[in-house]
Amino acid sequence: MPNKFYQDDDEYMEKLSLLMTNEYKAITHAKIQLQLDCPDLALARHMSYKSLSDEDFLKRAEKQIEYLNNCIS
């Protein structure tokens, strides 16, 4: 996700996952069911990551899933 605030996707995702961890914990501690959908993950293949090989895109997707899993673990 190119922008002027973060050096790369990894830095952005790391910061975002740290922030969202608190949000997700607040939701689950309030006994509210949390459902996370990621339709943007597949769409990103055709929009943001179209220059990557299939193998590199899958690595990127796995990394994003890892960040998400860290938020909710």
PDB file of N, CA and C in Angstrom:
ATOM      1  N   MET A   1       0.847  -1.167   0.000  1.00  0.00           N
ATOM      2  CA  MET A   1       0.000   0.000   0.000  1.00  0.00           C
ATOM      3  C   MET A   1       0.897   1.235   0.000  1.00  0.00           C
ATOM      4  N   PRO A   2       1.220   1.750  -1.138  1.00  0.00           N
ATOM      5  CA  PRO A   2       2.138   2.892  -1.213  1.00  0.00           C
ATOM      6  C   PRO A   2       1.535   4.150  -0.582  1.00  0.00           C
ATOM      7  N   ASN A   3       2.340   4.804   0.217  1.00  0.00           N
ATOM      8  CA  ASN A   3       1.914   6.060   0.823  1.00  0.00           C
ATOM      9  C   ASN A   3       3.132   6.813   1.336  1.00  0.00           C
ATOM     10  N   LYS A   4       2.921   8.007   1.845  1.00  0.00           N
ATOM     11  CA  LYS A   4       4.043   8.829   2.287  1.00  0.00           C
ATOM     12  C   LYS A   4       4.379   8.643   3.762  1.00  0.00           C
ATOM     13  N   PHE A   5       3.653   7.794   4.471  1.00  0.00           N
ATOM     14  CA  PHE A   5       3.856   7.633   5.901  1.00  0.00           C
ATOM     15  C   PHE A   5       4.680   6.405   6.276  1.00  0.00           C
ATOM     16  N   TYR A   6       4.654   5.373   5.459  1.00  0.00           N
ATOM     17  CA  TYR A   6       5.344   4.124   5.769  1.00  0.00           C
ATOM     18  C   TYR A   6       6.296   3.773   4.638  1.00  0.00           C
ATOM     19  N   GLN A   7       7.407   3.162   4.998  1.00  0.00           N
ATOM     20  CA  GLN A   7       8.418   2.821   3.992  1.00  0.00           C
ATOM     21  C   GLN A   7       7.947   1.736   3.032  1.00  0.00           C
ATOM     22  N   ASP A   8       7.181   0.771   3.557  1.00  0.00           N
ATOM     23  CA  ASP A   8       6.743  -0.341   2.715  1.00  0.00           C
ATOM     24  C   ASP A   8       5.505  -1.004   3.320  1.00  0.00           C
ATOM     25  N   ASP A   9       4.991  -2.005   2.622  1.00  0.00           N
ATOM     26  CA  ASP A   9       3.802  -2.725   3.081  1.00  0.00           C
ATOM     27  C   ASP A   9       4.011  -3.354   4.447  1.00  0.00           C
ATOM     28  N   ASP A  10       5.193  -3.907   4.669  1.00  0.00           N
ATOM     29  CA  ASP A  10       5.449  -4.583   5.938  1.00  0.00           C
ATOM     30  C   ASP A  10       5.370  -3.622   7.116  1.00  0.00           C
ATOM     31  N   GLU A  11       5.947  -2.454   6.975  1.00  0.00           N
ATOM     32  CA  GLU A  11       5.884  -1.474   8.058  1.00  0.00           C
ATOM     33  C   GLU A  11       4.430  -1.053   8.304  1.00  0.00           C
ATOM     34  N   TYR A  12       3.703  -0.814   7.236  1.00  0.00           N
ATOM     35  CA  TYR A  12       2.291  -0.436   7.352  1.00  0.00           C
ATOM     36  C   TYR A  12       1.490  -1.532   8.050  1.00  0.00           C
ATOM     37  N   MET A  13       1.642  -2.771   7.595  1.00  0.00           N
ATOM     38  CA  MET A  13       0.877  -3.872   8.168  1.00  0.00           C
ATOM     39  C   MET A  13       1.254  -4.118   9.624  1.00  0.00           C
ATOM     40  N   GLU A  14       2.517  -3.965   9.955  1.00  0.00           N
ATOM     41  CA  GLU A  14       2.954  -4.149  11.338  1.00  0.00           C
ATOM     42  C   GLU A  14       2.283  -3.120  12.255  1.00  0.00           C
ATOM     43  N   LYS A  15       2.307  -1.863  11.856  1.00  0.00           N
ATOM     44  CA  LYS A  15       1.693  -0.794  12.658  1.00  0.00           C
ATOM     45  C   LYS A  15       0.177  -0.985  12.742  1.00  0.00           C
ATOM     46  N   LEU A  16      -0.431  -1.322  11.619  1.00  0.00           N
ATOM     47  CA  LEU A  16      -1.872  -1.527  11.594  1.00  0.00           C
ATOM     48  C   LEU A  16      -2.271  -2.692  12.494  1.00  0.00           C
ATOM     49  N   SER A  17      -1.523  -3.779  12.438  1.00  0.00           N
ATOM     50  CA  SER A  17      -1.876  -4.937  13.260  1.00  0.00           C
ATOM     51  C   SER A  17      -1.736  -4.627  14.748  1.00  0.00           C
ATOM     52  N   LEU A  18      -0.745  -3.828  15.116  1.00  0.00           N
ATOM     53  CA  LEU A  18      -0.606  -3.433  16.520  1.00  0.00           C
ATOM     54  C   LEU A  18      -1.813  -2.618  16.982  1.00  0.00           C
ATOM     55  N   LEU A  19      -2.257  -1.706  16.155  1.00  0.00           N
ATOM     56  CA  LEU A  19      -3.420  -0.888  16.506  1.00  0.00           C
ATOM     57  C   LEU A  19      -4.706  -1.715  16.556  1.00  0.00           C
ATOM     58  N   MET A  20      -4.872  -2.591  15.586  1.00  0.00           N
ATOM     59  CA  MET A  20      -6.106  -3.359  15.515  1.00  0.00           C
ATOM     60  C   MET A  20      -6.196  -4.415  16.610  1.00  0.00           C
ATOM     61  N   THR A  21      -5.069  -4.854  17.145  1.00  0.00           N
ATOM     62  CA  THR A  21      -5.087  -5.821  18.240  1.00  0.00           C
ATOM     63  C   THR A  21      -5.923  -5.288  19.395  1.00  0.00           C
ATOM     64  N   ASN A  22      -5.709  -4.044  19.768  1.00  0.00           N
ATOM     65  CA  ASN A  22      -6.478  -3.442  20.864  1.00  0.00           C
ATOM     66  C   ASN A  22      -7.959  -3.348  20.521  1.00  0.00           C
ATOM     67  N   GLU A  23      -8.260  -2.998  19.290  1.00  0.00           N
ATOM     68  CA  GLU A  23      -9.659  -2.899  18.868  1.00  0.00           C
ATOM     69  C   GLU A  23     -10.345  -4.264  18.926  1.00  0.00           C
ATOM     70  N   TYR A  24      -9.683  -5.278  18.395  1.00  0.00           N
ATOM     71  CA  TYR A  24     -10.266  -6.616  18.378  1.00  0.00           C
ATOM     72  C   TYR A  24     -10.436  -7.152  19.793  1.00  0.00           C
ATOM     73  N   LYS A  25      -9.465  -6.896  20.666  1.00  0.00           N
ATOM     74  CA  LYS A  25      -9.582  -7.345  22.061  1.00  0.00           C
ATOM     75  C   LYS A  25     -10.752  -6.663  22.755  1.00  0.00           C
ATOM     76  N   ALA A  26     -10.940  -5.386  22.514  1.00  0.00           N
ATOM     77  CA  ALA A  26     -12.063  -4.670  23.125  1.00  0.00           C
ATOM     78  C   ALA A  26     -13.391  -5.272  22.673  1.00  0.00           C
ATOM     79  N   ILE A  27     -13.470  -5.630  21.422  1.00  0.00           N
ATOM     80  CA  ILE A  27     -14.695  -6.232  20.891  1.00  0.00           C
ATOM     81  C   ILE A  27     -14.955  -7.574  21.548  1.00  0.00           C
ATOM     82  N   THR A  28     -13.949  -8.443  21.584  1.00  0.00           N
ATOM     83  CA  THR A  28     -14.150  -9.785  22.138  1.00  0.00           C
ATOM     84  C   THR A  28     -14.320  -9.755  23.658  1.00  0.00           C
ATOM     85  N   HIS A  29     -13.663  -8.839  24.341  1.00  0.00           N
ATOM     86  CA  HIS A  29     -13.834  -8.721  25.795  1.00  0.00           C
ATOM     87  C   HIS A  29     -15.243  -8.248  26.144  1.00  0.00           C
ATOM     88  N   ALA A  30     -15.878  -7.559  25.235  1.00  0.00           N
ATOM     89  CA  ALA A  30     -17.259  -7.120  25.436  1.00  0.00           C
ATOM     90  C   ALA A  30     -18.248  -8.232  25.074  1.00  0.00           C
ATOM     91  N   LYS A  31     -17.716  -9.420  24.802  1.00  0.00           N
ATOM     92  CA  LYS A  31     -18.537 -10.592  24.456  1.00  0.00           C
ATOM     93  C   LYS A  31     -19.298 -10.407  23.148  1.00  0.00           C
ATOM     94  N   ILE A  32     -18.715  -9.636  22.260  1.00  0.00           N
ATOM     95  CA  ILE A  32     -19.281  -9.455  20.926  1.00  0.00           C
ATOM     96  C   ILE A  32     -18.517 -10.369  19.978  1.00  0.00           C
ATOM     97  N   GLN A  33     -19.257 -11.075  19.151  1.00  0.00           N
ATOM     98  CA  GLN A  33     -18.621 -11.980  18.202  1.00  0.00           C
ATOM     99  C   GLN A  33     -17.919 -11.171  17.117  1.00  0.00           C
ATOM    100  N   LEU A  34     -16.679 -11.514  16.862  1.00  0.00           N
ATOM    101  CA  LEU A  34     -15.873 -10.819  15.856  1.00  0.00           C
ATOM    102  C   LEU A  34     -15.731 -11.712  14.630  1.00  0.00           C
ATOM    103  N   GLN A  35     -16.153 -11.214  13.488  1.00  0.00           N
ATOM    104  CA  GLN A  35     -15.983 -11.931  12.230  1.00  0.00           C
ATOM    105  C   GLN A  35     -15.125 -11.075  11.315  1.00  0.00           C
ATOM    106  N   LEU A  36     -14.061 -11.653  10.824  1.00  0.00           N
ATOM    107  CA  LEU A  36     -13.151 -10.927   9.940  1.00  0.00           C
ATOM    108  C   LEU A  36     -13.199 -11.547   8.548  1.00  0.00           C
ATOM    109  N   ASP A  37     -13.539 -10.744   7.580  1.00  0.00           N
ATOM    110  CA  ASP A  37     -13.536 -11.158   6.180  1.00  0.00           C
ATOM    111  C   ASP A  37     -12.467 -10.350   5.465  1.00  0.00           C
ATOM    112  N   CYS A  38     -11.858 -10.939   4.483  1.00  0.00           N
ATOM    113  CA  CYS A  38     -10.788 -10.244   3.756  1.00  0.00           C
ATOM    114  C   CYS A  38     -10.999 -10.330   2.246  1.00  0.00           C
ATOM    115  N   PRO A  39     -12.086  -9.781   1.734  1.00  0.00           N
ATOM    116  CA  PRO A  39     -12.299  -9.840   0.285  1.00  0.00           C
ATOM    117  C   PRO A  39     -11.244  -9.055  -0.483  1.00  0.00           C
ATOM    118  N   ASP A  40     -10.631  -8.099   0.181  1.00  0.00           N
ATOM    119  CA  ASP A  40      -9.600  -7.293  -0.468  1.00  0.00           C
ATOM    120  C   ASP A  40      -8.342  -8.097  -0.765  1.00  0.00           C
ATOM    121  N   LEU A  41      -8.149  -9.194  -0.048  1.00  0.00           N
ATOM    122  CA  LEU A  41      -6.942  -9.989  -0.252  1.00  0.00           C
ATOM    123  C   LEU A  41      -6.886 -10.544  -1.676  1.00  0.00           C
ATOM    124  N   ALA A  42      -7.966 -11.132  -2.137  1.00  0.00           N
ATOM    125  CA  ALA A  42      -7.991 -11.657  -3.507  1.00  0.00           C
ATOM    126  C   ALA A  42      -8.017 -10.526  -4.530  1.00  0.00           C
ATOM    127  N   LEU A  43      -8.758  -9.476  -4.242  1.00  0.00           N
ATOM    128  CA  LEU A  43      -8.842  -8.341  -5.163  1.00  0.00           C
ATOM    129  C   LEU A  43      -7.484  -7.663  -5.336  1.00  0.00           C
ATOM    130  N   ALA A  44      -6.686  -7.671  -4.285  1.00  0.00           N
ATOM    131  CA  ALA A  44      -5.362  -7.041  -4.351  1.00  0.00           C
ATOM    132  C   ALA A  44      -4.490  -7.691  -5.420  1.00  0.00           C
ATOM    133  N   ARG A  45      -4.752  -8.945  -5.720  1.00  0.00           N
ATOM    134  CA  ARG A  45      -3.977  -9.642  -6.758  1.00  0.00           C
ATOM    135  C   ARG A  45      -4.082  -8.901  -8.087  1.00  0.00           C
ATOM    136  N   HIS A  46      -5.251  -8.380  -8.373  1.00  0.00           N
ATOM    137  CA  HIS A  46      -5.498  -7.717  -9.656  1.00  0.00           C
ATOM    138  C   HIS A  46      -5.280  -6.210  -9.614  1.00  0.00           C
ATOM    139  N   MET A  47      -5.171  -5.665  -8.412  1.00  0.00           N
ATOM    140  CA  MET A  47      -5.054  -4.209  -8.289  1.00  0.00           C
ATOM    141  C   MET A  47      -3.644  -3.793  -7.839  1.00  0.00           C
ATOM    142  N   SER A  48      -3.283  -4.162  -6.640  1.00  0.00           N
ATOM    143  CA  SER A  48      -2.031  -3.682  -6.045  1.00  0.00           C
ATOM    144  C   SER A  48      -0.819  -4.549  -6.360  1.00  0.00           C
ATOM    145  N   TYR A  49      -1.056  -5.831  -6.590  1.00  0.00           N
ATOM    146  CA  TYR A  49       0.066  -6.760  -6.740  1.00  0.00           C
ATOM    147  C   TYR A  49       0.091  -7.457  -8.094  1.00  0.00           C
ATOM    148  N   LYS A  50      -0.440  -6.820  -9.111  1.00  0.00           N
ATOM    149  CA  LYS A  50      -0.497  -7.468 -10.425  1.00  0.00           C
ATOM    150  C   LYS A  50       0.877  -7.684 -11.045  1.00  0.00           C
ATOM    151  N   SER A  51       1.874  -6.957 -10.569  1.00  0.00           N
ATOM    152  CA  SER A  51       3.219  -7.122 -11.123  1.00  0.00           C
ATOM    153  C   SER A  51       3.965  -8.302 -10.496  1.00  0.00           C
ATOM    154  N   LEU A  52       3.436  -8.862  -9.412  1.00  0.00           N
ATOM    155  CA  LEU A  52       4.106  -9.982  -8.750  1.00  0.00           C
ATOM    156  C   LEU A  52       3.807 -11.297  -9.464  1.00  0.00           C
ATOM    157  N   SER A  53       4.732 -12.221  -9.354  1.00  0.00           N
ATOM    158  CA  SER A  53       4.460 -13.576  -9.840  1.00  0.00           C
ATOM    159  C   SER A  53       3.429 -14.207  -8.903  1.00  0.00           C
ATOM    160  N   ASP A  54       2.821 -15.300  -9.346  1.00  0.00           N
ATOM    161  CA  ASP A  54       1.853 -15.981  -8.484  1.00  0.00           C
ATOM    162  C   ASP A  54       2.501 -16.392  -7.166  1.00  0.00           C
ATOM    163  N   GLU A  55       3.712 -16.900  -7.246  1.00  0.00           N
ATOM    164  CA  GLU A  55       4.429 -17.337  -6.044  1.00  0.00           C
ATOM    165  C   GLU A  55       4.667 -16.166  -5.086  1.00  0.00           C
ATOM    166  N   ASP A  56       5.104 -15.039  -5.615  1.00  0.00           N
ATOM    167  CA  ASP A  56       5.358 -13.869  -4.770  1.00  0.00           C
ATOM    168  C   ASP A  56       4.065 -13.304  -4.187  1.00  0.00           C
ATOM    169  N   PHE A  57       2.986 -13.340  -4.971  1.00  0.00           N
ATOM    170  CA  PHE A  57       1.709 -12.875  -4.437  1.00  0.00           C
ATOM    171  C   PHE A  57       1.247 -13.764  -3.292  1.00  0.00           C
ATOM    172  N   LEU A  58       1.383 -15.074  -3.450  1.00  0.00           N
ATOM    173  CA  LEU A  58       0.971 -15.983  -2.382  1.00  0.00           C
ATOM    174  C   LEU A  58       1.796 -15.762  -1.117  1.00  0.00           C
ATOM    175  N   LYS A  59       3.070 -15.472  -1.271  1.00  0.00           N
ATOM    176  CA  LYS A  59       3.906 -15.148  -0.104  1.00  0.00           C
ATOM    177  C   LYS A  59       3.387 -13.885   0.578  1.00  0.00           C
ATOM    178  N   ARG A  60       3.031 -12.895  -0.220  1.00  0.00           N
ATOM    179  CA  ARG A  60       2.501 -11.630   0.316  1.00  0.00           C
ATOM    180  C   ARG A  60       1.173 -11.878   1.039  1.00  0.00           C
ATOM    181  N   ALA A  61       0.310 -12.686   0.440  1.00  0.00           N
ATOM    182  CA  ALA A  61      -0.981 -13.000   1.055  1.00  0.00           C
ATOM    183  C   ALA A  61      -0.780 -13.746   2.374  1.00  0.00           C
ATOM    184  N   GLU A  62       0.144 -14.692   2.388  1.00  0.00           N
ATOM    185  CA  GLU A  62       0.435 -15.426   3.621  1.00  0.00           C
ATOM    186  C   GLU A  62       0.939 -14.488   4.712  1.00  0.00           C
ATOM    187  N   LYS A  63       1.745 -13.522   4.327  1.00  0.00           N
ATOM    188  CA  LYS A  63       2.262 -12.541   5.289  1.00  0.00           C
ATOM    189  C   LYS A  63       1.110 -11.708   5.864  1.00  0.00           C
ATOM    190  N   GLN A  64       0.177 -11.296   5.020  1.00  0.00           N
ATOM    191  CA  GLN A  64      -0.961 -10.516   5.500  1.00  0.00           C
ATOM    192  C   GLN A  64      -1.840 -11.340   6.436  1.00  0.00           C
ATOM    193  N   ILE A  65      -2.012 -12.612   6.125  1.00  0.00           N
ATOM    194  CA  ILE A  65      -2.778 -13.497   7.001  1.00  0.00           C
ATOM    195  C   ILE A  65      -2.049 -13.668   8.331  1.00  0.00           C
ATOM    196  N   GLU A  66      -0.735 -13.743   8.284  1.00  0.00           N
ATOM    197  CA  GLU A  66       0.062 -13.830   9.513  1.00  0.00           C
ATOM    198  C   GLU A  66      -0.159 -12.593  10.392  1.00  0.00           C
ATOM    199  N   TYR A  67      -0.149 -11.412   9.789  1.00  0.00           N
ATOM    200  CA  TYR A  67      -0.415 -10.189  10.553  1.00  0.00           C
ATOM    201  C   TYR A  67      -1.809 -10.240  11.180  1.00  0.00           C
ATOM    202  N   LEU A  68      -2.790 -10.683  10.417  1.00  0.00           N
ATOM    203  CA  LEU A  68      -4.152 -10.769  10.929  1.00  0.00           C
ATOM    204  C   LEU A  68      -4.232 -11.771  12.080  1.00  0.00           C
ATOM    205  N   ASN A  69      -3.608 -12.915  11.911  1.00  0.00           N
ATOM    206  CA  ASN A  69      -3.607 -13.919  12.977  1.00  0.00           C
ATOM    207  C   ASN A  69      -2.950 -13.385  14.245  1.00  0.00           C
ATOM    208  N   ASN A  70      -1.895 -12.608  14.090  1.00  0.00           N
ATOM    209  CA  ASN A  70      -1.241 -12.021  15.261  1.00  0.00           C
ATOM    210  C   ASN A  70      -2.174 -11.065  15.993  1.00  0.00           C
ATOM    211  N   CYS A  71      -3.024 -10.389  15.263  1.00  0.00           N
ATOM    212  CA  CYS A  71      -3.983  -9.457  15.883  1.00  0.00           C
ATOM    213  C   CYS A  71      -4.976 -10.169  16.785  1.00  0.00           C
ATOM    214  N   ILE A  72      -5.356 -11.358  16.400  1.00  0.00           N
ATOM    215  CA  ILE A  72      -6.440 -12.032  17.113  1.00  0.00           C
ATOM    216  C   ILE A  72      -5.962 -13.161  18.014  1.00  0.00           C
ATOM    217  N   SER A  73      -4.670 -13.354  18.103  1.00  0.00           N
ATOM    218  CA  SER A  73      -4.182 -14.442  18.965  1.00  0.00           C
ATOM    219  C   SER A  73      -3.874 -13.945  20.355  1.00  0.00           C
TER     220      SER A  73
END
